[in-house]
Amino acid sequence: MPRNPRHQEGQGLVEYALILVLVAVVVIVILALLGPAIGNIFSNIINSLNPTATPTITPTPNGG
C-alpha cells in the first residue's frame, strides 16, 4: 500500500517540532545551570567599567 504524501509531510512537521522542543529544553537547562555564573561575569564587567558606582538593590515583593 503506497504512503500518502500528506501523511509523510505531517510526520516531517512532527519530527521538526520534536527537535525544536528538545533544543529548547537543552537551552533552558544550560541557562538554568550557567545563569548565575553568566550574571556574575556581566556584573564584573560592569563594575570594572564603572568602579565608583555603588550597586543599588531593589527589594522584590514576596510572591504569595
Protein backbone atom coordinates (compact mmCIF):
# COMPACT_ATOMS: atom_id res chain seq x y z
CA MET A 1 0.00 0.00 0.00
CA PRO A 2 1.60 3.34 -1.05
CA ARG A 3 2.07 6.00 1.61
CA ASN A 4 0.08 9.18 1.46
CA PRO A 5 2.37 12.20 0.76
CA ARG A 6 0.33 14.33 3.18
CA HIS A 7 0.98 11.77 5.91
CA GLN A 8 4.72 12.00 5.26
CA GLU A 9 4.58 15.79 5.31
CA GLY A 10 2.74 15.75 8.63
CA GLN A 11 5.23 13.26 10.03
CA GLY A 12 8.10 15.55 8.98
CA LEU A 13 6.47 18.51 10.73
CA VAL A 14 6.07 16.48 13.90
CA GLU A 15 9.72 15.46 13.76
CA TYR A 16 10.81 19.08 13.36
CA ALA A 17 8.58 20.09 16.27
CA LEU A 18 10.10 17.39 18.48
CA ILE A 19 13.62 18.50 17.57
CA LEU A 20 12.68 22.12 18.32
CA VAL A 21 11.26 21.12 21.73
CA LEU A 22 14.40 19.13 22.52
CA VAL A 23 16.65 22.06 21.62
CA ALA A 24 14.52 24.42 23.73
CA VAL A 25 14.73 22.10 26.74
CA VAL A 26 18.52 21.81 26.39
CA VAL A 27 18.90 25.60 26.16
CA ILE A 28 16.70 26.12 29.23
CA VAL A 29 18.71 23.59 31.25
CA ILE A 30 22.02 25.16 30.20
CA LEU A 31 20.80 28.65 31.08
CA ALA A 32 19.46 27.43 34.43
CA LEU A 33 22.83 25.89 35.28
CA LEU A 34 25.06 28.66 33.94
CA GLY A 35 22.79 31.64 34.57
CA PRO A 36 24.32 32.76 37.86
CA ALA A 37 27.86 32.43 36.51
CA ILE A 38 26.98 34.47 33.42
CA GLY A 39 25.34 37.09 35.63
CA ASN A 40 28.49 37.34 37.74
CA ILE A 41 30.62 37.78 34.63
CA PHE A 42 28.44 40.65 33.41
CA SER A 43 28.47 42.20 36.90
CA ASN A 44 32.26 42.05 36.97
CA ILE A 45 32.46 43.70 33.54
CA ILE A 46 30.09 46.47 34.60
CA ASN A 47 31.98 47.02 37.86
CA SER A 48 35.31 47.21 36.04
CA LEU A 49 33.93 49.77 33.59
CA ASN A 50 32.45 51.96 36.34
CA PRO A 51 34.17 51.16 39.65
CA THR A 52 32.83 54.23 41.51
CA ALA A 53 29.19 53.26 41.09
CA THR A 54 27.55 51.65 44.06
CA PRO A 55 25.19 48.81 43.29
CA THR A 56 21.60 49.51 44.12
CA ILE A 57 19.45 46.68 45.36
CA THR A 58 15.75 46.99 44.75
CA PRO A 59 13.56 44.95 47.05
CA THR A 60 11.31 42.45 45.38
CA PRO A 61 7.88 41.74 46.83
CA ASN A 62 7.41 38.28 48.23
CA GLY A 63 5.20 36.19 45.99
CA GLY A 64 2.24 34.79 47.84
